[in-house]
Amino acid sequence: MIEKVAKVVWTRQARESLNAILDYRYKDIPEARKIVRKDIIISSKEIVFTKQFQQDEIYPQYRRIIVRDYKVLYKEDMNYVYIMNVVCTVTRP
């Protein structure tokens, strides 16, 4: 049975991770920071079904949304989707 999402909730960890990543990568480019932040937030609002996106290979307890260079990790519980973390997928020296 396909379960529809009742609500998407961002955890404190996810909000803090998103802000830390954006502060680090875009501290000198405020317009780019706004655009990337908006893209990530919008992607979470586009979750319609609880199992809509793939299960993550590194964190198998979560599903993932890929947005640019980032993974938005989420889990579902009783038709609620909890955004658990945002991770950067780019490794730079």
PDB file of N, CA and C in Angstrom:
ATOM      1  N   MET A   1       0.836  -1.184   0.000  1.00  0.00           N
ATOM      2  CA  MET A   1       0.000   0.000   0.000  1.00  0.00           C
ATOM      3  C   MET A   1       0.886   1.255   0.000  1.00  0.00           C
ATOM      4  N   ILE A   2       0.563   2.194  -0.825  1.00  0.00           N
ATOM      5  CA  ILE A   2       1.317   3.444  -0.906  1.00  0.00           C
ATOM      6  C   ILE A   2       0.811   4.383   0.187  1.00  0.00           C
ATOM      7  N   GLU A   3       1.756   4.828   1.010  1.00  0.00           N
ATOM      8  CA  GLU A   3       1.392   5.700   2.128  1.00  0.00           C
ATOM      9  C   GLU A   3       1.752   7.134   1.798  1.00  0.00           C
ATOM     10  N   LYS A   4       0.774   8.008   1.906  1.00  0.00           N
ATOM     11  CA  LYS A   4       1.009   9.429   1.649  1.00  0.00           C
ATOM     12  C   LYS A   4       1.555  10.093   2.905  1.00  0.00           C
ATOM     13  N   VAL A   5       2.329  11.117   2.693  1.00  0.00           N
ATOM     14  CA  VAL A   5       2.943  11.857   3.792  1.00  0.00           C
ATOM     15  C   VAL A   5       1.918  12.799   4.402  1.00  0.00           C
ATOM     16  N   ALA A   6       1.796  12.749   5.718  1.00  0.00           N
ATOM     17  CA  ALA A   6       0.902  13.659   6.428  1.00  0.00           C
ATOM     18  C   ALA A   6       1.590  14.999   6.685  1.00  0.00           C
ATOM     19  N   LYS A   7       2.889  14.928   7.015  1.00  0.00           N
ATOM     20  CA  LYS A   7       3.625  16.151   7.338  1.00  0.00           C
ATOM     21  C   LYS A   7       5.118  15.882   7.229  1.00  0.00           C
ATOM     22  N   VAL A   8       5.877  16.902   6.820  1.00  0.00           N
ATOM     23  CA  VAL A   8       7.344  16.831   6.778  1.00  0.00           C
ATOM     24  C   VAL A   8       7.868  17.707   7.915  1.00  0.00           C
ATOM     25  N   VAL A   9       8.735  17.118   8.749  1.00  0.00           N
ATOM     26  CA  VAL A   9       9.277  17.822   9.914  1.00  0.00           C
ATOM     27  C   VAL A   9      10.794  17.827   9.832  1.00  0.00           C
ATOM     28  N   TRP A  10      11.387  18.992   9.951  1.00  0.00           N
ATOM     29  CA  TRP A  10      12.844  19.122   9.983  1.00  0.00           C
ATOM     30  C   TRP A  10      13.308  19.014  11.433  1.00  0.00           C
ATOM     31  N   THR A  11      14.237  18.107  11.703  1.00  0.00           N
ATOM     32  CA  THR A  11      14.797  17.995  13.053  1.00  0.00           C
ATOM     33  C   THR A  11      15.813  19.113  13.281  1.00  0.00           C
ATOM     34  N   ARG A  12      16.141  19.335  14.534  1.00  0.00           N
ATOM     35  CA  ARG A  12      17.147  20.343  14.874  1.00  0.00           C
ATOM     36  C   ARG A  12      18.490  19.999  14.230  1.00  0.00           C
ATOM     37  N   GLN A  13      18.857  18.725  14.271  1.00  0.00           N
ATOM     38  CA  GLN A  13      20.116  18.274  13.662  1.00  0.00           C
ATOM     39  C   GLN A  13      20.169  18.641  12.185  1.00  0.00           C
ATOM     40  N   ALA A  14      19.086  18.402  11.473  1.00  0.00           N
ATOM     41  CA  ALA A  14      19.054  18.698  10.032  1.00  0.00           C
ATOM     42  C   ALA A  14      19.173  20.201   9.777  1.00  0.00           C
ATOM     43  N   ARG A  15      18.457  20.994  10.547  1.00  0.00           N
ATOM     44  CA  ARG A  15      18.534  22.457  10.377  1.00  0.00           C
ATOM     45  C   ARG A  15      19.942  22.962  10.664  1.00  0.00           C
ATOM     46  N   GLU A  16      20.542  22.462  11.743  1.00  0.00           N
ATOM     47  CA  GLU A  16      21.898  22.890  12.096  1.00  0.00           C
ATOM     48  C   GLU A  16      22.922  22.448  11.051  1.00  0.00           C
ATOM     49  N   SER A  17      22.776  21.234  10.547  1.00  0.00           N
ATOM     50  CA  SER A  17      23.685  20.739   9.509  1.00  0.00           C
ATOM     51  C   SER A  17      23.579  21.579   8.243  1.00  0.00           C
ATOM     52  N   LEU A  18      22.360  21.858   7.832  1.00  0.00           N
ATOM     53  CA  LEU A  18      22.154  22.670   6.638  1.00  0.00           C
ATOM     54  C   LEU A  18      22.810  24.038   6.802  1.00  0.00           C
ATOM     55  N   ASN A  19      22.565  24.691   7.918  1.00  0.00           N
ATOM     56  CA  ASN A  19      23.141  26.018   8.144  1.00  0.00           C
ATOM     57  C   ASN A  19      24.666  25.974   8.210  1.00  0.00           C
ATOM     58  N   ALA A  20      25.215  24.961   8.861  1.00  0.00           N
ATOM     59  CA  ALA A  20      26.676  24.847   8.970  1.00  0.00           C
ATOM     60  C   ALA A  20      27.319  24.639   7.597  1.00  0.00           C
ATOM     61  N   ILE A  21      26.713  23.792   6.784  1.00  0.00           N
ATOM     62  CA  ILE A  21      27.238  23.536   5.442  1.00  0.00           C
ATOM     63  C   ILE A  21      27.177  24.811   4.607  1.00  0.00           C
ATOM     64  N   LEU A  22      26.044  25.476   4.631  1.00  0.00           N
ATOM     65  CA  LEU A  22      25.881  26.691   3.832  1.00  0.00           C
ATOM     66  C   LEU A  22      26.797  27.803   4.317  1.00  0.00           C
ATOM     67  N   ASP A  23      26.956  27.924   5.628  1.00  0.00           N
ATOM     68  CA  ASP A  23      27.863  28.936   6.173  1.00  0.00           C
ATOM     69  C   ASP A  23      29.291  28.683   5.719  1.00  0.00           C
ATOM     70  N   TYR A  24      29.698  27.429   5.706  1.00  0.00           N
ATOM     71  CA  TYR A  24      31.065  27.076   5.331  1.00  0.00           C
ATOM     72  C   TYR A  24      31.319  27.249   3.830  1.00  0.00           C
ATOM     73  N   ARG A  25      30.414  26.706   3.024  1.00  0.00           N
ATOM     74  CA  ARG A  25      30.657  26.686   1.580  1.00  0.00           C
ATOM     75  C   ARG A  25      30.311  27.984   0.874  1.00  0.00           C
ATOM     76  N   TYR A  26      29.391  28.755   1.441  1.00  0.00           N
ATOM     77  CA  TYR A  26      28.912  29.946   0.734  1.00  0.00           C
ATOM     78  C   TYR A  26      29.035  31.224   1.567  1.00  0.00           C
ATOM     79  N   LYS A  27      29.988  31.259   2.487  1.00  0.00           N
ATOM     80  CA  LYS A  27      30.103  32.433   3.358  1.00  0.00           C
ATOM     81  C   LYS A  27      30.397  33.714   2.575  1.00  0.00           C
ATOM     82  N   ASP A  28      31.082  33.607   1.453  1.00  0.00           N
ATOM     83  CA  ASP A  28      31.418  34.783   0.658  1.00  0.00           C
ATOM     84  C   ASP A  28      30.474  34.987  -0.536  1.00  0.00           C
ATOM     85  N   ILE A  29      29.475  34.111  -0.663  1.00  0.00           N
ATOM     86  CA  ILE A  29      28.554  34.200  -1.809  1.00  0.00           C
ATOM     87  C   ILE A  29      27.108  34.096  -1.282  1.00  0.00           C
ATOM     88  N   PRO A  30      26.596  35.159  -0.679  1.00  0.00           N
ATOM     89  CA  PRO A  30      25.261  35.083  -0.058  1.00  0.00           C
ATOM     90  C   PRO A  30      24.130  34.747  -1.022  1.00  0.00           C
ATOM     91  N   GLU A  31      24.215  35.192  -2.261  1.00  0.00           N
ATOM     92  CA  GLU A  31      23.151  34.878  -3.217  1.00  0.00           C
ATOM     93  C   GLU A  31      23.124  33.384  -3.546  1.00  0.00           C
ATOM     94  N   ALA A  32      24.286  32.783  -3.707  1.00  0.00           N
ATOM     95  CA  ALA A  32      24.357  31.337  -3.966  1.00  0.00           C
ATOM     96  C   ALA A  32      23.835  30.569  -2.757  1.00  0.00           C
ATOM     97  N   ARG A  33      24.161  31.044  -1.565  1.00  0.00           N
ATOM     98  CA  ARG A  33      23.680  30.405  -0.329  1.00  0.00           C
ATOM     99  C   ARG A  33      22.160  30.358  -0.318  1.00  0.00           C
ATOM    100  N   LYS A  34      21.522  31.462  -0.676  1.00  0.00           N
ATOM    101  CA  LYS A  34      20.058  31.524  -0.688  1.00  0.00           C
ATOM    102  C   LYS A  34      19.472  30.542  -1.702  1.00  0.00           C
ATOM    103  N   ILE A  35      20.085  30.464  -2.872  1.00  0.00           N
ATOM    104  CA  ILE A  35      19.579  29.586  -3.927  1.00  0.00           C
ATOM    105  C   ILE A  35      19.691  28.118  -3.521  1.00  0.00           C
ATOM    106  N   VAL A  36      20.851  27.720  -3.001  1.00  0.00           N
ATOM    107  CA  VAL A  36      21.052  26.325  -2.605  1.00  0.00           C
ATOM    108  C   VAL A  36      20.121  25.974  -1.446  1.00  0.00           C
ATOM    109  N   ARG A  37      20.001  26.864  -0.472  1.00  0.00           N
ATOM    110  CA  ARG A  37      19.108  26.624   0.674  1.00  0.00           C
ATOM    111  C   ARG A  37      17.674  26.424   0.180  1.00  0.00           C
ATOM    112  N   LYS A  38      17.236  27.291  -0.714  1.00  0.00           N
ATOM    113  CA  LYS A  38      15.881  27.190  -1.259  1.00  0.00           C
ATOM    114  C   LYS A  38      15.674  25.860  -1.979  1.00  0.00           C
ATOM    115  N   ASP A  39      16.633  25.441  -2.790  1.00  0.00           N
ATOM    116  CA  ASP A  39      16.529  24.168  -3.506  1.00  0.00           C
ATOM    117  C   ASP A  39      16.391  22.990  -2.544  1.00  0.00           C
ATOM    118  N   ILE A  40      17.161  23.016  -1.464  1.00  0.00           N
ATOM    119  CA  ILE A  40      17.118  21.918  -0.492  1.00  0.00           C
ATOM    120  C   ILE A  40      15.787  21.905   0.250  1.00  0.00           C
ATOM    121  N   ILE A  41      15.323  23.060   0.682  1.00  0.00           N
ATOM    122  CA  ILE A  41      14.039  23.135   1.394  1.00  0.00           C
ATOM    123  C   ILE A  41      12.900  22.688   0.485  1.00  0.00           C
ATOM    124  N   ILE A  42      12.893  23.157  -0.746  1.00  0.00           N
ATOM    125  CA  ILE A  42      11.826  22.781  -1.689  1.00  0.00           C
ATOM    126  C   ILE A  42      11.824  21.274  -1.929  1.00  0.00           C
ATOM    127  N   SER A  43      13.011  20.667  -2.030  1.00  0.00           N
ATOM    128  CA  SER A  43      13.071  19.217  -2.271  1.00  0.00           C
ATOM    129  C   SER A  43      12.377  18.441  -1.159  1.00  0.00           C
ATOM    130  N   SER A  44      12.510  18.908   0.072  1.00  0.00           N
ATOM    131  CA  SER A  44      11.856  18.204   1.179  1.00  0.00           C
ATOM    132  C   SER A  44      10.340  18.360   1.118  1.00  0.00           C
ATOM    133  N   LYS A  45       9.873  19.468   0.596  1.00  0.00           N
ATOM    134  CA  LYS A  45       8.429  19.697   0.483  1.00  0.00           C
ATOM    135  C   LYS A  45       7.809  18.890  -0.654  1.00  0.00           C
ATOM    136  N   GLU A  46       8.653  18.350  -1.532  1.00  0.00           N
ATOM    137  CA  GLU A  46       8.158  17.567  -2.658  1.00  0.00           C
ATOM    138  C   GLU A  46       7.989  16.085  -2.335  1.00  0.00           C
ATOM    139  N   ILE A  47       8.216  15.702  -1.094  1.00  0.00           N
ATOM    140  CA  ILE A  47       7.999  14.308  -0.695  1.00  0.00           C
ATOM    141  C   ILE A  47       6.492  14.107  -0.554  1.00  0.00           C
ATOM    142  N   VAL A  48       5.953  13.243  -1.372  1.00  0.00           N
ATOM    143  CA  VAL A  48       4.515  12.978  -1.371  1.00  0.00           C
ATOM    144  C   VAL A  48       4.234  11.622  -0.728  1.00  0.00           C
ATOM    145  N   PHE A  49       5.078  10.640  -1.040  1.00  0.00           N
ATOM    146  CA  PHE A  49       4.912   9.288  -0.518  1.00  0.00           C
ATOM    147  C   PHE A  49       6.091   8.946   0.387  1.00  0.00           C
ATOM    148  N   THR A  50       5.852   8.208   1.438  1.00  0.00           N
ATOM    149  CA  THR A  50       6.890   7.934   2.432  1.00  0.00           C
ATOM    150  C   THR A  50       8.092   7.202   1.861  1.00  0.00           C
ATOM    151  N   LYS A  51       7.886   6.353   0.891  1.00  0.00           N
ATOM    152  CA  LYS A  51       8.989   5.592   0.307  1.00  0.00           C
ATOM    153  C   LYS A  51       9.288   6.068  -1.119  1.00  0.00           C
ATOM    154  N   GLN A  52       9.124   7.347  -1.346  1.00  0.00           N
ATOM    155  CA  GLN A  52       9.277   7.933  -2.680  1.00  0.00           C
ATOM    156  C   GLN A  52      10.721   7.905  -3.178  1.00  0.00           C
ATOM    157  N   PHE A  53      11.677   8.084  -2.283  1.00  0.00           N
ATOM    158  CA  PHE A  53      13.075   8.173  -2.686  1.00  0.00           C
ATOM    159  C   PHE A  53      13.842   6.933  -2.243  1.00  0.00           C
ATOM    160  N   GLN A  54      15.056   6.779  -2.802  1.00  0.00           N
ATOM    161  CA  GLN A  54      15.871   5.592  -2.557  1.00  0.00           C
ATOM    162  C   GLN A  54      16.371   5.509  -1.118  1.00  0.00           C
ATOM    163  N   GLN A  55      16.609   4.280  -0.709  1.00  0.00           N
ATOM    164  CA  GLN A  55      17.276   4.044   0.563  1.00  0.00           C
ATOM    165  C   GLN A  55      18.749   4.382   0.370  1.00  0.00           C
ATOM    166  N   ASP A  56      19.346   5.040   1.353  1.00  0.00           N
ATOM    167  CA  ASP A  56      20.739   5.452   1.247  1.00  0.00           C
ATOM    168  C   ASP A  56      21.665   4.267   1.489  1.00  0.00           C
ATOM    169  N   GLU A  57      22.789   4.209   0.749  1.00  0.00           N
ATOM    170  CA  GLU A  57      23.738   3.107   0.916  1.00  0.00           C
ATOM    171  C   GLU A  57      24.582   3.261   2.178  1.00  0.00           C
ATOM    172  N   ILE A  58      24.963   4.475   2.499  1.00  0.00           N
ATOM    173  CA  ILE A  58      25.827   4.714   3.654  1.00  0.00           C
ATOM    174  C   ILE A  58      25.029   4.705   4.952  1.00  0.00           C
ATOM    175  N   TYR A  59      23.845   5.286   4.923  1.00  0.00           N
ATOM    176  CA  TYR A  59      22.955   5.317   6.092  1.00  0.00           C
ATOM    177  C   TYR A  59      21.673   4.572   5.732  1.00  0.00           C
ATOM    178  N   PRO A  60      21.694   3.231   5.769  1.00  0.00           N
ATOM    179  CA  PRO A  60      20.556   2.456   5.271  1.00  0.00           C
ATOM    180  C   PRO A  60      19.257   2.632   6.066  1.00  0.00           C
ATOM    181  N   GLN A  61      19.347   3.209   7.246  1.00  0.00           N
ATOM    182  CA  GLN A  61      18.137   3.444   8.037  1.00  0.00           C
ATOM    183  C   GLN A  61      17.340   4.640   7.503  1.00  0.00           C
ATOM    184  N   TYR A  62      17.930   5.372   6.533  1.00  0.00           N
ATOM    185  CA  TYR A  62      17.292   6.559   5.972  1.00  0.00           C
ATOM    186  C   TYR A  62      17.079   6.427   4.472  1.00  0.00           C
ATOM    187  N   ARG A  63      16.178   7.234   3.972  1.00  0.00           N
ATOM    188  CA  ARG A  63      16.017   7.430   2.541  1.00  0.00           C
ATOM    189  C   ARG A  63      16.692   8.750   2.207  1.00  0.00           C
ATOM    190  N   ARG A  64      16.970   8.963   0.928  1.00  0.00           N
ATOM    191  CA  ARG A  64      17.721  10.157   0.565  1.00  0.00           C
ATOM    192  C   ARG A  64      17.132  10.872  -0.633  1.00  0.00           C
ATOM    193  N   ILE A  65      17.336  12.186  -0.618  1.00  0.00           N
ATOM    194  CA  ILE A  65      17.030  13.029  -1.763  1.00  0.00           C
ATOM    195  C   ILE A  65      18.359  13.674  -2.139  1.00  0.00           C
ATOM    196  N   ILE A  66      18.724  13.583  -3.392  1.00  0.00           N
ATOM    197  CA  ILE A  66      19.955  14.209  -3.863  1.00  0.00           C
ATOM    198  C   ILE A  66      19.599  15.588  -4.431  1.00  0.00           C
ATOM    199  N   VAL A  67      20.242  16.608  -3.887  1.00  0.00           N
ATOM    200  CA  VAL A  67      20.051  17.984  -4.356  1.00  0.00           C
ATOM    201  C   VAL A  67      21.433  18.591  -4.547  1.00  0.00           C
ATOM    202  N   ARG A  68      21.799  18.814  -5.797  1.00  0.00           N
ATOM    203  CA  ARG A  68      23.110  19.367  -6.130  1.00  0.00           C
ATOM    204  C   ARG A  68      24.204  18.474  -5.524  1.00  0.00           C
ATOM    205  N   ASP A  69      25.018  19.032  -4.602  1.00  0.00           N
ATOM    206  CA  ASP A  69      26.098  18.275  -3.954  1.00  0.00           C
ATOM    207  C   ASP A  69      25.706  17.776  -2.560  1.00  0.00           C
ATOM    208  N   TYR A  70      24.426  17.620  -2.308  1.00  0.00           N
ATOM    209  CA  TYR A  70      23.963  17.319  -0.952  1.00  0.00           C
ATOM    210  C   TYR A  70      22.980  16.158  -0.941  1.00  0.00           C
ATOM    211  N   LYS A  71      22.951  15.474   0.191  1.00  0.00           N
ATOM    212  CA  LYS A  71      21.942  14.449   0.428  1.00  0.00           C
ATOM    213  C   LYS A  71      21.076  14.924   1.583  1.00  0.00           C
ATOM    214  N   VAL A  72      19.785  14.881   1.373  1.00  0.00           N
ATOM    215  CA  VAL A  72      18.824  15.158   2.425  1.00  0.00           C
ATOM    216  C   VAL A  72      18.355  13.789   2.901  1.00  0.00           C
ATOM    217  N   LEU A  73      18.673  13.449   4.147  1.00  0.00           N
ATOM    218  CA  LEU A  73      18.346  12.133   4.692  1.00  0.00           C
ATOM    219  C   LEU A  73      17.075  12.219   5.529  1.00  0.00           C
ATOM    220  N   TYR A  74      16.161  11.282   5.271  1.00  0.00           N
ATOM    221  CA  TYR A  74      14.910  11.302   6.028  1.00  0.00           C
ATOM    222  C   TYR A  74      14.458   9.896   6.392  1.00  0.00           C
ATOM    223  N   LYS A  75      13.588   9.855   7.387  1.00  0.00           N
ATOM    224  CA  LYS A  75      12.930   8.596   7.749  1.00  0.00           C
ATOM    225  C   LYS A  75      11.461   8.898   7.956  1.00  0.00           C
ATOM    226  N   GLU A  76      10.660   7.863   7.884  1.00  0.00           N
ATOM    227  CA  GLU A  76       9.229   8.062   8.079  1.00  0.00           C
ATOM    228  C   GLU A  76       8.756   7.283   9.293  1.00  0.00           C
ATOM    229  N   ASP A  77       7.751   7.842   9.932  1.00  0.00           N
ATOM    230  CA  ASP A  77       7.149   7.200  11.095  1.00  0.00           C
ATOM    231  C   ASP A  77       5.684   7.600  11.135  1.00  0.00           C
ATOM    232  N   MET A  78       4.822   6.631  10.953  1.00  0.00           N
ATOM    233  CA  MET A  78       3.372   6.857  11.009  1.00  0.00           C
ATOM    234  C   MET A  78       2.937   7.971  10.038  1.00  0.00           C
ATOM    235  N   ASN A  79       3.419   7.907   8.819  1.00  0.00           N
ATOM    236  CA  ASN A  79       3.105   8.844   7.733  1.00  0.00           C
ATOM    237  C   ASN A  79       3.675  10.250   7.937  1.00  0.00           C
ATOM    238  N   TYR A  80       4.500  10.424   8.941  1.00  0.00           N
ATOM    239  CA  TYR A  80       5.250  11.667   9.099  1.00  0.00           C
ATOM    240  C   TYR A  80       6.642  11.428   8.550  1.00  0.00           C
ATOM    241  N   VAL A  81       7.193  12.400   7.854  1.00  0.00           N
ATOM    242  CA  VAL A  81       8.557  12.307   7.343  1.00  0.00           C
ATOM    243  C   VAL A  81       9.406  13.246   8.182  1.00  0.00           C
ATOM    244  N   TYR A  82      10.486  12.695   8.719  1.00  0.00           N
ATOM    245  CA  TYR A  82      11.411  13.475   9.530  1.00  0.00           C
ATOM    246  C   TYR A  82      12.705  13.655   8.759  1.00  0.00           C
ATOM    247  N   ILE A  83      13.043  14.896   8.447  1.00  0.00           N
ATOM    248  CA  ILE A  83      14.320  15.197   7.809  1.00  0.00           C
ATOM    249  C   ILE A  83      15.355  15.100   8.918  1.00  0.00           C
ATOM    250  N   MET A  84      16.253  14.126   8.802  1.00  0.00           N
ATOM    251  CA  MET A  84      17.182  13.823   9.885  1.00  0.00           C
ATOM    252  C   MET A  84      18.526  14.538   9.755  1.00  0.00           C
ATOM    253  N   ASN A  85      18.976  14.731   8.514  1.00  0.00           N
ATOM    254  CA  ASN A  85      20.298  15.333   8.339  1.00  0.00           C
ATOM    255  C   ASN A  85      20.462  15.794   6.891  1.00  0.00           C
ATOM    256  N   VAL A  86      21.394  16.710   6.714  1.00  0.00           N
ATOM    257  CA  VAL A  86      21.806  17.138   5.374  1.00  0.00           C
ATOM    258  C   VAL A  86      23.319  16.972   5.337  1.00  0.00           C
ATOM    259  N   VAL A  87      23.803  16.242   4.330  1.00  0.00           N
ATOM    260  CA  VAL A  87      25.244  15.997   4.223  1.00  0.00           C
ATOM    261  C   VAL A  87      25.750  16.426   2.863  1.00  0.00           C
ATOM    262  N   CYS A  88      26.950  16.951   2.870  1.00  0.00           N
ATOM    263  CA  CYS A  88      27.620  17.337   1.633  1.00  0.00           C
ATOM    264  C   CYS A  88      28.265  16.090   1.050  1.00  0.00           C
ATOM    265  N   THR A  89      28.132  15.886  -0.241  1.00  0.00           N
ATOM    266  CA  THR A  89      28.684  14.684  -0.874  1.00  0.00           C
ATOM    267  C   THR A  89      30.006  14.954  -1.584  1.00  0.00           C
ATOM    268  N   VAL A  90      30.466  16.189  -1.539  1.00  0.00           N
ATOM    269  CA  VAL A  90      31.712  16.557  -2.209  1.00  0.00           C
ATOM    270  C   VAL A  90      32.849  16.536  -1.204  1.00  0.00           C
ATOM    271  N   THR A  91      33.930  15.868  -1.570  1.00  0.00           N
ATOM    272  CA  THR A  91      35.120  15.890  -0.714  1.00  0.00           C
ATOM    273  C   THR A  91      36.151  16.764  -1.379  1.00  0.00           C
ATOM    274  N   ARG A  92      36.584  17.747  -0.651  1.00  0.00           N
ATOM    275  CA  ARG A  92      37.600  18.675  -1.169  1.00  0.00           C
ATOM    276  C   ARG A  92      38.706  18.808  -0.151  1.00  0.00           C
ATOM    277  N   PRO A  93      39.927  18.963  -0.625  1.00  0.00           N
ATOM    278  CA  PRO A  93      41.055  19.097   0.314  1.00  0.00           C
ATOM    279  C   PRO A  93      41.015  20.389   1.096  1.00  0.00           C
TER     280      PRO A  93
END
